[in-house]
Amino acid sequence: MEFDSLSEFKKDFEKLLKKYPSLKEDLNLLKQFLNKHPRGFPSRVFPISDLGIKTEIFKVKKFRCRSLKGSGSNSGIRIIYAFFTEEQKIEFIEIYFKGKQSNHSKDRILKYYE
């Protein structure tokens, strides 16, 4: 599986990394999981289906961030990614802390994947 990310994701990630130093390792663990389960499974990873586009977009709701002690997989960090079946590629779109942002950016998704 190939992994890539949008420049906006990289900026979001760097901002969160300052506050949550384990984030880089935590993202690597997520990549290992997605390598085996690119479409995830309910209760952890959900498809975002109300976009009206062909590209498969998913939201990781149960992201384990060790820097958020005591919260386990309910860390509040959300990750949005696109999965391209034929290329066997995952592209990270957005990462955010739910306490600062209530939902994913539909505009960002549609900007790149219409």
PDB file of N, CA and C in Angstrom:
ATOM      1  N   MET A   1       0.851  -1.176   0.000  1.00  0.00           N
ATOM      2  CA  MET A   1       0.000   0.000   0.000  1.00  0.00           C
ATOM      3  C   MET A   1       0.895   1.237   0.000  1.00  0.00           C
ATOM      4  N   GLU A   2       0.560   2.167  -0.860  1.00  0.00           N
ATOM      5  CA  GLU A   2       1.280   3.434  -0.910  1.00  0.00           C
ATOM      6  C   GLU A   2       0.497   4.464  -0.089  1.00  0.00           C
ATOM      7  N   PHE A   3       1.217   5.304   0.660  1.00  0.00           N
ATOM      8  CA  PHE A   3       0.591   6.342   1.463  1.00  0.00           C
ATOM      9  C   PHE A   3       1.114   7.702   1.027  1.00  0.00           C
ATOM     10  N   ASP A   4       0.200   8.649   0.928  1.00  0.00           N
ATOM     11  CA  ASP A   4       0.548  10.020   0.563  1.00  0.00           C
ATOM     12  C   ASP A   4      -0.357  10.943   1.363  1.00  0.00           C
ATOM     13  N   SER A   5      -0.095  12.231   1.299  1.00  0.00           N
ATOM     14  CA  SER A   5      -0.972  13.169   2.004  1.00  0.00           C
ATOM     15  C   SER A   5      -0.973  14.520   1.296  1.00  0.00           C
ATOM     16  N   LEU A   6      -2.102  15.191   1.412  1.00  0.00           N
ATOM     17  CA  LEU A   6      -2.233  16.535   0.856  1.00  0.00           C
ATOM     18  C   LEU A   6      -1.370  17.499   1.667  1.00  0.00           C
ATOM     19  N   SER A   7      -0.976  18.607   1.043  1.00  0.00           N
ATOM     20  CA  SER A   7      -0.161  19.596   1.758  1.00  0.00           C
ATOM     21  C   SER A   7      -0.910  20.154   2.969  1.00  0.00           C
ATOM     22  N   GLU A   8      -2.241  20.302   2.855  1.00  0.00           N
ATOM     23  CA  GLU A   8      -3.035  20.784   3.986  1.00  0.00           C
ATOM     24  C   GLU A   8      -2.978  19.801   5.156  1.00  0.00           C
ATOM     25  N   PHE A   9      -2.994  18.492   4.843  1.00  0.00           N
ATOM     26  CA  PHE A   9      -2.877  17.476   5.891  1.00  0.00           C
ATOM     27  C   PHE A   9      -1.533  17.637   6.602  1.00  0.00           C
ATOM     28  N   LYS A  10      -0.479  17.823   5.823  1.00  0.00           N
ATOM     29  CA  LYS A  10       0.861  17.965   6.412  1.00  0.00           C
ATOM     30  C   LYS A  10       0.911  19.157   7.361  1.00  0.00           C
ATOM     31  N   LYS A  11       0.297  20.274   6.981  1.00  0.00           N
ATOM     32  CA  LYS A  11       0.260  21.459   7.853  1.00  0.00           C
ATOM     33  C   LYS A  11      -0.538  21.179   9.121  1.00  0.00           C
ATOM     34  N   ASP A  12      -1.717  20.564   8.957  1.00  0.00           N
ATOM     35  CA  ASP A  12      -2.545  20.198  10.119  1.00  0.00           C
ATOM     36  C   ASP A  12      -1.765  19.277  11.055  1.00  0.00           C
ATOM     37  N   PHE A  13      -1.085  18.309  10.462  1.00  0.00           N
ATOM     38  CA  PHE A  13      -0.331  17.311  11.231  1.00  0.00           C
ATOM     39  C   PHE A  13       0.785  17.983  12.034  1.00  0.00           C
ATOM     40  N   GLU A  14       1.534  18.875  11.399  1.00  0.00           N
ATOM     41  CA  GLU A  14       2.650  19.549  12.080  1.00  0.00           C
ATOM     42  C   GLU A  14       2.155  20.381  13.266  1.00  0.00           C
ATOM     43  N   LYS A  15       1.016  21.043  13.109  1.00  0.00           N
ATOM     44  CA  LYS A  15       0.447  21.822  14.214  1.00  0.00           C
ATOM     45  C   LYS A  15       0.079  20.911  15.387  1.00  0.00           C
ATOM     46  N   LEU A  16      -0.582  19.788  15.084  1.00  0.00           N
ATOM     47  CA  LEU A  16      -0.984  18.861  16.146  1.00  0.00           C
ATOM     48  C   LEU A  16       0.218  18.157  16.766  1.00  0.00           C
ATOM     49  N   LEU A  17       1.254  17.926  15.971  1.00  0.00           N
ATOM     50  CA  LEU A  17       2.446  17.226  16.463  1.00  0.00           C
ATOM     51  C   LEU A  17       3.123  18.010  17.583  1.00  0.00           C
ATOM     52  N   LYS A  18       3.065  19.331  17.530  1.00  0.00           N
ATOM     53  CA  LYS A  18       3.653  20.162  18.587  1.00  0.00           C
ATOM     54  C   LYS A  18       2.960  19.908  19.927  1.00  0.00           C
ATOM     55  N   LYS A  19       1.665  19.682  19.869  1.00  0.00           N
ATOM     56  CA  LYS A  19       0.888  19.460  21.091  1.00  0.00           C
ATOM     57  C   LYS A  19       0.878  17.989  21.511  1.00  0.00           C
ATOM     58  N   TYR A  20       0.926  17.083  20.515  1.00  0.00           N
ATOM     59  CA  TYR A  20       0.835  15.643  20.781  1.00  0.00           C
ATOM     60  C   TYR A  20       2.050  14.943  20.165  1.00  0.00           C
ATOM     61  N   PRO A  21       3.171  14.868  20.899  1.00  0.00           N
ATOM     62  CA  PRO A  21       4.428  14.363  20.334  1.00  0.00           C
ATOM     63  C   PRO A  21       4.401  12.903  19.866  1.00  0.00           C
ATOM     64  N   SER A  22       3.465  12.105  20.328  1.00  0.00           N
ATOM     65  CA  SER A  22       3.421  10.699  19.888  1.00  0.00           C
ATOM     66  C   SER A  22       2.711  10.537  18.545  1.00  0.00           C
ATOM     67  N   LEU A  23       2.215  11.617  17.985  1.00  0.00           N
ATOM     68  CA  LEU A  23       1.368  11.553  16.794  1.00  0.00           C
ATOM     69  C   LEU A  23       2.031  10.863  15.602  1.00  0.00           C
ATOM     70  N   LYS A  24       3.331  11.086  15.418  1.00  0.00           N
ATOM     71  CA  LYS A  24       4.025  10.462  14.280  1.00  0.00           C
ATOM     72  C   LYS A  24       3.996   8.937  14.404  1.00  0.00           C
ATOM     73  N   GLU A  25       4.318   8.435  15.586  1.00  0.00           N
ATOM     74  CA  GLU A  25       4.271   6.979  15.820  1.00  0.00           C
ATOM     75  C   GLU A  25       2.838   6.453  15.739  1.00  0.00           C
ATOM     76  N   ASP A  26       1.906   7.226  16.273  1.00  0.00           N
ATOM     77  CA  ASP A  26       0.499   6.822  16.248  1.00  0.00           C
ATOM     78  C   ASP A  26      -0.006   6.712  14.811  1.00  0.00           C
ATOM     79  N   LEU A  27       0.403   7.650  13.948  1.00  0.00           N
ATOM     80  CA  LEU A  27       0.002   7.603  12.545  1.00  0.00           C
ATOM     81  C   LEU A  27       0.623   6.387  11.849  1.00  0.00           C
ATOM     82  N   ASN A  28       1.848   6.049  12.206  1.00  0.00           N
ATOM     83  CA  ASN A  28       2.480   4.853  11.626  1.00  0.00           C
ATOM     84  C   ASN A  28       1.721   3.581  12.001  1.00  0.00           C
ATOM     85  N   LEU A  29       1.216   3.520  13.221  1.00  0.00           N
ATOM     86  CA  LEU A  29       0.395   2.371  13.631  1.00  0.00           C
ATOM     87  C   LEU A  29      -0.898   2.323  12.825  1.00  0.00           C
ATOM     88  N   LEU A  30      -1.487   3.488  12.587  1.00  0.00           N
ATOM     89  CA  LEU A  30      -2.701   3.539  11.760  1.00  0.00           C
ATOM     90  C   LEU A  30      -2.387   3.052  10.346  1.00  0.00           C
ATOM     91  N   LYS A  31      -1.252   3.435   9.804  1.00  0.00           N
ATOM     92  CA  LYS A  31      -0.867   2.986   8.458  1.00  0.00           C
ATOM     93  C   LYS A  31      -0.749   1.465   8.407  1.00  0.00           C
ATOM     94  N   GLN A  32      -0.194   0.868   9.451  1.00  0.00           N
ATOM     95  CA  GLN A  32      -0.095  -0.595   9.504  1.00  0.00           C
ATOM     96  C   GLN A  32      -1.487  -1.223   9.484  1.00  0.00           C
ATOM     97  N   PHE A  33      -2.397  -0.639  10.235  1.00  0.00           N
ATOM     98  CA  PHE A  33      -3.778  -1.128  10.266  1.00  0.00           C
ATOM     99  C   PHE A  33      -4.427  -0.972   8.890  1.00  0.00           C
ATOM    100  N   LEU A  34      -4.279   0.204   8.271  1.00  0.00           N
ATOM    101  CA  LEU A  34      -4.898   0.468   6.973  1.00  0.00           C
ATOM    102  C   LEU A  34      -4.271  -0.363   5.857  1.00  0.00           C
ATOM    103  N   ASN A  35      -3.040  -0.744   6.039  1.00  0.00           N
ATOM    104  CA  ASN A  35      -2.380  -1.620   5.063  1.00  0.00           C
ATOM    105  C   ASN A  35      -3.132  -2.940   4.953  1.00  0.00           C
ATOM    106  N   LYS A  36      -3.653  -3.420   6.063  1.00  0.00           N
ATOM    107  CA  LYS A  36      -4.421  -4.673   6.093  1.00  0.00           C
ATOM    108  C   LYS A  36      -5.909  -4.451   5.854  1.00  0.00           C
ATOM    109  N   HIS A  37      -6.415  -3.306   6.306  1.00  0.00           N
ATOM    110  CA  HIS A  37      -7.854  -2.998   6.233  1.00  0.00           C
ATOM    111  C   HIS A  37      -8.049  -1.591   5.656  1.00  0.00           C
ATOM    112  N   PRO A  38      -7.800  -1.393   4.363  1.00  0.00           N
ATOM    113  CA  PRO A  38      -7.870  -0.030   3.802  1.00  0.00           C
ATOM    114  C   PRO A  38      -9.246   0.620   3.899  1.00  0.00           C
ATOM    115  N   ARG A  39     -10.283  -0.183   3.994  1.00  0.00           N
ATOM    116  CA  ARG A  39     -11.627   0.368   4.165  1.00  0.00           C
ATOM    117  C   ARG A  39     -12.057   0.326   5.633  1.00  0.00           C
ATOM    118  N   GLY A  40     -11.127  -0.033   6.501  1.00  0.00           N
ATOM    119  CA  GLY A  40     -11.403  -0.079   7.923  1.00  0.00           C
ATOM    120  C   GLY A  40     -12.540  -1.015   8.250  1.00  0.00           C
ATOM    121  N   PHE A  41     -13.205  -0.763   9.346  1.00  0.00           N
ATOM    122  CA  PHE A  41     -14.420  -1.477   9.703  1.00  0.00           C
ATOM    123  C   PHE A  41     -15.194  -0.636  10.706  1.00  0.00           C
ATOM    124  N   PRO A  42     -16.521  -0.801  10.716  1.00  0.00           N
ATOM    125  CA  PRO A  42     -17.378   0.022  11.578  1.00  0.00           C
ATOM    126  C   PRO A  42     -16.927   0.018  13.037  1.00  0.00           C
ATOM    127  N   SER A  43     -17.174   1.094  13.667  1.00  0.00           N
ATOM    128  CA  SER A  43     -16.821   1.454  15.036  1.00  0.00           C
ATOM    129  C   SER A  43     -15.429   2.066  15.099  1.00  0.00           C
ATOM    130  N   ARG A  44     -14.650   1.927  14.047  1.00  0.00           N
ATOM    131  CA  ARG A  44     -13.324   2.543  14.025  1.00  0.00           C
ATOM    132  C   ARG A  44     -13.150   3.472  12.819  1.00  0.00           C
ATOM    133  N   VAL A  45     -13.497   2.956  11.657  1.00  0.00           N
ATOM    134  CA  VAL A  45     -13.358   3.706  10.398  1.00  0.00           C
ATOM    135  C   VAL A  45     -14.682   3.638   9.653  1.00  0.00           C
ATOM    136  N   PHE A  46     -15.168   4.797   9.218  1.00  0.00           N
ATOM    137  CA  PHE A  46     -16.459   4.869   8.533  1.00  0.00           C
ATOM    138  C   PHE A  46     -16.309   5.505   7.156  1.00  0.00           C
ATOM    139  N   PRO A  47     -17.056   5.027   6.162  1.00  0.00           N
ATOM    140  CA  PRO A  47     -17.070   5.727   4.869  1.00  0.00           C
ATOM    141  C   PRO A  47     -17.876   7.019   5.006  1.00  0.00           C
ATOM    142  N   ILE A  48     -17.445   8.040   4.291  1.00  0.00           N
ATOM    143  CA  ILE A  48     -18.219   9.283   4.213  1.00  0.00           C
ATOM    144  C   ILE A  48     -18.928   9.213   2.874  1.00  0.00           C
ATOM    145  N   SER A  49     -20.218   8.990   2.910  1.00  0.00           N
ATOM    146  CA  SER A  49     -20.942   8.665   1.679  1.00  0.00           C
ATOM    147  C   SER A  49     -21.813   9.785   1.128  1.00  0.00           C
ATOM    148  N   ASP A  50     -21.947  10.883   1.823  1.00  0.00           N
ATOM    149  CA  ASP A  50     -22.861  11.938   1.370  1.00  0.00           C
ATOM    150  C   ASP A  50     -22.174  13.012   0.519  1.00  0.00           C
ATOM    151  N   LEU A  51     -21.100  12.648  -0.175  1.00  0.00           N
ATOM    152  CA  LEU A  51     -20.326  13.633  -0.919  1.00  0.00           C
ATOM    153  C   LEU A  51     -20.688  13.714  -2.401  1.00  0.00           C
ATOM    154  N   GLY A  52     -21.282  12.669  -2.953  1.00  0.00           N
ATOM    155  CA  GLY A  52     -21.650  12.658  -4.362  1.00  0.00           C
ATOM    156  C   GLY A  52     -20.458  12.529  -5.299  1.00  0.00           C
ATOM    157  N   ILE A  53     -19.406  11.832  -4.848  1.00  0.00           N
ATOM    158  CA  ILE A  53     -18.220  11.625  -5.687  1.00  0.00           C
ATOM    159  C   ILE A  53     -17.891  10.133  -5.750  1.00  0.00           C
ATOM    160  N   LYS A  54     -17.085   9.745  -6.730  1.00  0.00           N
ATOM    161  CA  LYS A  54     -16.724   8.330  -6.896  1.00  0.00           C
ATOM    162  C   LYS A  54     -15.625   7.888  -5.936  1.00  0.00           C
ATOM    163  N   THR A  55     -14.713   8.784  -5.625  1.00  0.00           N
ATOM    164  CA  THR A  55     -13.587   8.437  -4.756  1.00  0.00           C
ATOM    165  C   THR A  55     -14.092   7.991  -3.391  1.00  0.00           C
ATOM    166  N   GLU A  56     -13.530   6.910  -2.892  1.00  0.00           N
ATOM    167  CA  GLU A  56     -13.902   6.413  -1.567  1.00  0.00           C
ATOM    168  C   GLU A  56     -13.195   7.238  -0.492  1.00  0.00           C
ATOM    169  N   ILE A  57     -13.988   7.896   0.342  1.00  0.00           N
ATOM    170  CA  ILE A  57     -13.460   8.742   1.415  1.00  0.00           C
ATOM    171  C   ILE A  57     -13.878   8.127   2.748  1.00  0.00           C
ATOM    172  N   PHE A  58     -12.932   8.089   3.688  1.00  0.00           N
ATOM    173  CA  PHE A  58     -13.185   7.468   4.988  1.00  0.00           C
ATOM    174  C   PHE A  58     -12.776   8.401   6.120  1.00  0.00           C
ATOM    175  N   LYS A  59     -13.453   8.219   7.262  1.00  0.00           N
ATOM    176  CA  LYS A  59     -13.130   8.959   8.481  1.00  0.00           C
ATOM    177  C   LYS A  59     -12.716   7.966   9.561  1.00  0.00           C
ATOM    178  N   VAL A  60     -11.549   8.197  10.134  1.00  0.00           N
ATOM    179  CA  VAL A  60     -11.084   7.397  11.269  1.00  0.00           C
ATOM    180  C   VAL A  60     -11.561   8.108  12.528  1.00  0.00           C
ATOM    181  N   LYS A  61     -12.494   7.465  13.226  1.00  0.00           N
ATOM    182  CA  LYS A  61     -13.030   8.055  14.457  1.00  0.00           C
ATOM    183  C   LYS A  61     -12.315   7.533  15.701  1.00  0.00           C
ATOM    184  N   LYS A  62     -11.877   6.311  15.652  1.00  0.00           N
ATOM    185  CA  LYS A  62     -11.229   5.713  16.819  1.00  0.00           C
ATOM    186  C   LYS A  62      -9.717   5.688  16.576  1.00  0.00           C
ATOM    187  N   PHE A  63      -9.102   6.848  16.715  1.00  0.00           N
ATOM    188  CA  PHE A  63      -7.658   6.974  16.510  1.00  0.00           C
ATOM    189  C   PHE A  63      -6.973   7.018  17.861  1.00  0.00           C
ATOM    190  N   ARG A  64      -6.081   6.100  18.079  1.00  0.00           N
ATOM    191  CA  ARG A  64      -5.395   5.992  19.367  1.00  0.00           C
ATOM    192  C   ARG A  64      -4.176   6.925  19.372  1.00  0.00           C
ATOM    193  N   CYS A  65      -4.222   7.932  20.230  1.00  0.00           N
ATOM    194  CA  CYS A  65      -3.110   8.869  20.386  1.00  0.00           C
ATOM    195  C   CYS A  65      -2.575   8.739  21.806  1.00  0.00           C
ATOM    196  N   ARG A  66      -1.349   8.254  21.909  1.00  0.00           N
ATOM    197  CA  ARG A  66      -0.784   8.009  23.241  1.00  0.00           C
ATOM    198  C   ARG A  66      -0.521   9.281  24.028  1.00  0.00           C
ATOM    199  N   SER A  67      -0.352  10.407  23.336  1.00  0.00           N
ATOM    200  CA  SER A  67      -0.119  11.676  24.042  1.00  0.00           C
ATOM    201  C   SER A  67      -1.355  12.156  24.786  1.00  0.00           C
ATOM    202  N   LEU A  68      -2.510  11.646  24.412  1.00  0.00           N
ATOM    203  CA  LEU A  68      -3.755  11.972  25.112  1.00  0.00           C
ATOM    204  C   LEU A  68      -4.021  10.850  26.116  1.00  0.00           C
ATOM    205  N   LYS A  69      -3.317  10.898  27.206  1.00  0.00           N
ATOM    206  CA  LYS A  69      -3.379   9.829  28.202  1.00  0.00           C
ATOM    207  C   LYS A  69      -4.785   9.648  28.747  1.00  0.00           C
ATOM    208  N   GLY A  70      -5.169   8.395  28.897  1.00  0.00           N
ATOM    209  CA  GLY A  70      -6.447   8.073  29.500  1.00  0.00           C
ATOM    210  C   GLY A  70      -7.624   8.071  28.541  1.00  0.00           C
ATOM    211  N   SER A  71      -7.395   8.493  27.299  1.00  0.00           N
ATOM    212  CA  SER A  71      -8.528   8.529  26.367  1.00  0.00           C
ATOM    213  C   SER A  71      -8.513   7.354  25.395  1.00  0.00           C
ATOM    214  N   GLY A  72      -7.389   6.646  25.299  1.00  0.00           N
ATOM    215  CA  GLY A  72      -7.310   5.475  24.417  1.00  0.00           C
ATOM    216  C   GLY A  72      -7.720   5.803  23.004  1.00  0.00           C
ATOM    217  N   SER A  73      -8.568   4.964  22.423  1.00  0.00           N
ATOM    218  CA  SER A  73      -8.986   5.180  21.038  1.00  0.00           C
ATOM    219  C   SER A  73     -10.030   6.282  20.923  1.00  0.00           C
ATOM    220  N   ASN A  74     -10.516   6.787  22.044  1.00  0.00           N
ATOM    221  CA  ASN A  74     -11.461   7.908  22.027  1.00  0.00           C
ATOM    222  C   ASN A  74     -10.723   9.235  22.217  1.00  0.00           C
ATOM    223  N   SER A  75      -9.610   9.385  21.520  1.00  0.00           N
ATOM    224  CA  SER A  75      -8.749  10.548  21.704  1.00  0.00           C
ATOM    225  C   SER A  75      -9.376  11.841  21.221  1.00  0.00           C
ATOM    226  N   GLY A  76     -10.316  11.764  20.312  1.00  0.00           N
ATOM    227  CA  GLY A  76     -10.902  12.973  19.753  1.00  0.00           C
ATOM    228  C   GLY A  76     -10.203  13.422  18.487  1.00  0.00           C
ATOM    229  N   ILE A  77      -9.140  12.752  18.112  1.00  0.00           N
ATOM    230  CA  ILE A  77      -8.455  13.080  16.857  1.00  0.00           C
ATOM    231  C   ILE A  77      -9.140  12.320  15.733  1.00  0.00           C
ATOM    232  N   ARG A  78      -9.426  13.033  14.672  1.00  0.00           N
ATOM    233  CA  ARG A  78     -10.081  12.446  13.496  1.00  0.00           C
ATOM    234  C   ARG A  78      -9.152  12.558  12.301  1.00  0.00           C
ATOM    235  N   ILE A  79      -9.176  11.547  11.465  1.00  0.00           N
ATOM    236  CA  ILE A  79      -8.378  11.543  10.241  1.00  0.00           C
ATOM    237  C   ILE A  79      -9.282  11.187   9.073  1.00  0.00           C
ATOM    238  N   ILE A  80      -9.177  11.968   8.015  1.00  0.00           N
ATOM    239  CA  ILE A  80      -9.950  11.741   6.793  1.00  0.00           C
ATOM    240  C   ILE A  80      -8.972  11.316   5.712  1.00  0.00           C
ATOM    241  N   TYR A  81      -9.331  10.265   4.963  1.00  0.00           N
ATOM    242  CA  TYR A  81      -8.449   9.815   3.887  1.00  0.00           C
ATOM    243  C   TYR A  81      -9.252   9.301   2.705  1.00  0.00           C
ATOM    244  N   ALA A  82      -8.582   9.282   1.554  1.00  0.00           N
ATOM    245  CA  ALA A  82      -9.153   8.735   0.319  1.00  0.00           C
ATOM    246  C   ALA A  82      -8.452   7.421   0.024  1.00  0.00           C
ATOM    247  N   PHE A  83      -9.224   6.442  -0.445  1.00  0.00           N
ATOM    248  CA  PHE A  83      -8.659   5.138  -0.815  1.00  0.00           C
ATOM    249  C   PHE A  83      -8.884   4.914  -2.300  1.00  0.00           C
ATOM    250  N   PHE A  84      -7.790   4.634  -3.002  1.00  0.00           N
ATOM    251  CA  PHE A  84      -7.823   4.362  -4.440  1.00  0.00           C
ATOM    252  C   PHE A  84      -7.530   2.880  -4.640  1.00  0.00           C
ATOM    253  N   THR A  85      -8.561   2.118  -4.960  1.00  0.00           N
ATOM    254  CA  THR A  85      -8.459   0.660  -5.042  1.00  0.00           C
ATOM    255  C   THR A  85      -7.453   0.205  -6.078  1.00  0.00           C
ATOM    256  N   GLU A  86      -7.583   0.707  -7.303  1.00  0.00           N
ATOM    257  CA  GLU A  86      -6.727   0.229  -8.392  1.00  0.00           C
ATOM    258  C   GLU A  86      -5.251   0.502  -8.134  1.00  0.00           C
ATOM    259  N   GLU A  87      -4.957   1.679  -7.596  1.00  0.00           N
ATOM    260  CA  GLU A  87      -3.559   2.044  -7.333  1.00  0.00           C
ATOM    261  C   GLU A  87      -3.051   1.480  -6.009  1.00  0.00           C
ATOM    262  N   GLN A  88      -3.971   0.941  -5.190  1.00  0.00           N
ATOM    263  CA  GLN A  88      -3.632   0.508  -3.831  1.00  0.00           C
ATOM    264  C   GLN A  88      -2.903   1.638  -3.107  1.00  0.00           C
ATOM    265  N   LYS A  89      -3.612   2.769  -3.043  1.00  0.00           N
ATOM    266  CA  LYS A  89      -3.039   3.989  -2.468  1.00  0.00           C
ATOM    267  C   LYS A  89      -4.033   4.631  -1.512  1.00  0.00           C
ATOM    268  N   ILE A  90      -3.492   5.148  -0.418  1.00  0.00           N
ATOM    269  CA  ILE A  90      -4.275   5.927   0.540  1.00  0.00           C
ATOM    270  C   ILE A  90      -3.662   7.322   0.596  1.00  0.00           C
ATOM    271  N   GLU A  91      -4.538   8.317   0.490  1.00  0.00           N
ATOM    272  CA  GLU A  91      -4.088   9.701   0.559  1.00  0.00           C
ATOM    273  C   GLU A  91      -4.783  10.369   1.741  1.00  0.00           C
ATOM    274  N   PHE A  92      -3.986  10.839   2.694  1.00  0.00           N
ATOM    275  CA  PHE A  92      -4.534  11.509   3.866  1.00  0.00           C
ATOM    276  C   PHE A  92      -4.948  12.925   3.482  1.00  0.00           C
ATOM    277  N   ILE A  93      -6.157  13.285   3.871  1.00  0.00           N
ATOM    278  CA  ILE A  93      -6.754  14.561   3.483  1.00  0.00           C
ATOM    279  C   ILE A  93      -6.739  15.560   4.630  1.00  0.00           C
ATOM    280  N   GLU A  94      -7.128  15.091   5.804  1.00  0.00           N
ATOM    281  CA  GLU A  94      -7.312  16.015   6.923  1.00  0.00           C
ATOM    282  C   GLU A  94      -7.103  15.288   8.247  1.00  0.00           C
ATOM    283  N   ILE A  95      -6.533  16.007   9.205  1.00  0.00           N
ATOM    284  CA  ILE A  95      -6.423  15.524  10.583  1.00  0.00           C
ATOM    285  C   ILE A  95      -6.801  16.702  11.482  1.00  0.00           C
ATOM    286  N   TYR A  96      -7.639  16.426  12.483  1.00  0.00           N
ATOM    287  CA  TYR A  96      -8.060  17.504  13.374  1.00  0.00           C
ATOM    288  C   TYR A  96      -8.459  16.935  14.730  1.00  0.00           C
ATOM    289  N   PHE A  97      -8.459  17.830  15.715  1.00  0.00           N
ATOM    290  CA  PHE A  97      -8.909  17.481  17.056  1.00  0.00           C
ATOM    291  C   PHE A  97     -10.365  17.901  17.179  1.00  0.00           C
ATOM    292  N   LYS A  98     -11.206  16.967  17.534  1.00  0.00           N
ATOM    293  CA  LYS A  98     -12.654  17.205  17.555  1.00  0.00           C
ATOM    294  C   LYS A  98     -13.049  18.350  18.497  1.00  0.00           C
ATOM    295  N   GLY A  99     -12.272  18.589  19.523  1.00  0.00           N
ATOM    296  CA  GLY A  99     -12.562  19.688  20.441  1.00  0.00           C
ATOM    297  C   GLY A  99     -12.396  21.057  19.798  1.00  0.00           C
ATOM    298  N   LYS A 100     -11.619  21.133  18.729  1.00  0.00           N
ATOM    299  CA  LYS A 100     -11.373  22.407  18.034  1.00  0.00           C
ATOM    300  C   LYS A 100     -12.190  22.541  16.753  1.00  0.00           C
ATOM    301  N   GLN A 101     -12.583  21.424  16.185  1.00  0.00           N
ATOM    302  CA  GLN A 101     -13.310  21.414  14.908  1.00  0.00           C
ATOM    303  C   GLN A 101     -14.337  20.304  14.986  1.00  0.00           C
ATOM    304  N   SER A 102     -15.596  20.625  14.729  1.00  0.00           N
ATOM    305  CA  SER A 102     -16.654  19.640  14.967  1.00  0.00           C
ATOM    306  C   SER A 102     -16.767  18.573  13.876  1.00  0.00           C
ATOM    307  N   ASN A 103     -16.368  18.895  12.643  1.00  0.00           N
ATOM    308  CA  ASN A 103     -16.525  17.911  11.572  1.00  0.00           C
ATOM    309  C   ASN A 103     -15.481  18.128  10.486  1.00  0.00           C
ATOM    310  N   HIS A 104     -15.397  17.169   9.574  1.00  0.00           N
ATOM    311  CA  HIS A 104     -14.449  17.251   8.466  1.00  0.00           C
ATOM    312  C   HIS A 104     -14.818  18.390   7.518  1.00  0.00           C
ATOM    313  N   SER A 105     -13.850  18.809   6.719  1.00  0.00           N
ATOM    314  CA  SER A 105     -14.068  19.884   5.756  1.00  0.00           C
ATOM    315  C   SER A 105     -14.534  19.298   4.422  1.00  0.00           C
ATOM    316  N   LYS A 106     -15.826  19.389   4.204  1.00  0.00           N
ATOM    317  CA  LYS A 106     -16.398  18.896   2.947  1.00  0.00           C
ATOM    318  C   LYS A 106     -15.814  19.671   1.762  1.00  0.00           C
ATOM    319  N   ASP A 107     -15.566  20.963   1.961  1.00  0.00           N
ATOM    320  CA  ASP A 107     -14.986  21.789   0.897  1.00  0.00           C
ATOM    321  C   ASP A 107     -13.608  21.282   0.478  1.00  0.00           C
ATOM    322  N   ARG A 108     -12.791  20.912   1.457  1.00  0.00           N
ATOM    323  CA  ARG A 108     -11.455  20.408   1.125  1.00  0.00           C
ATOM    324  C   ARG A 108     -11.554  19.103   0.343  1.00  0.00           C
ATOM    325  N   ILE A 109     -12.423  18.240   0.756  1.00  0.00           N
ATOM    326  CA  ILE A 109     -12.591  16.959   0.062  1.00  0.00           C
ATOM    327  C   ILE A 109     -13.029  17.191  -1.380  1.00  0.00           C
ATOM    328  N   LEU A 110     -14.039  18.024  -1.562  1.00  0.00           N
ATOM    329  CA  LEU A 110     -14.571  18.268  -2.915  1.00  0.00           C
ATOM    330  C   LEU A 110     -13.576  19.041  -3.788  1.00  0.00           C
ATOM    331  N   LYS A 111     -12.731  19.831  -3.167  1.00  0.00           N
ATOM    332  CA  LYS A 111     -11.701  20.585  -3.905  1.00  0.00           C
ATOM    333  C   LYS A 111     -10.760  19.636  -4.654  1.00  0.00           C
ATOM    334  N   TYR A 112     -10.442  18.511  -4.041  1.00  0.00           N
ATOM    335  CA  TYR A 112      -9.471  17.584  -4.620  1.00  0.00           C
ATOM    336  C   TYR A 112     -10.090  16.346  -5.290  1.00  0.00           C
ATOM    337  N   TYR A 113     -11.313  16.011  -4.926  1.00  0.00           N
ATOM    338  CA  TYR A 113     -11.846  14.715  -5.371  1.00  0.00           C
ATOM    339  C   TYR A 113     -13.185  14.798  -6.084  1.00  0.00           C
ATOM    340  N   GLU A 114     -13.541  15.917  -6.663  1.00  0.00           N
ATOM    341  CA  GLU A 114     -14.812  16.008  -7.391  1.00  0.00           C
ATOM    342  C   GLU A 114     -14.795  15.163  -8.636  1.00  0.00           C
TER     343      GLU A 114
END
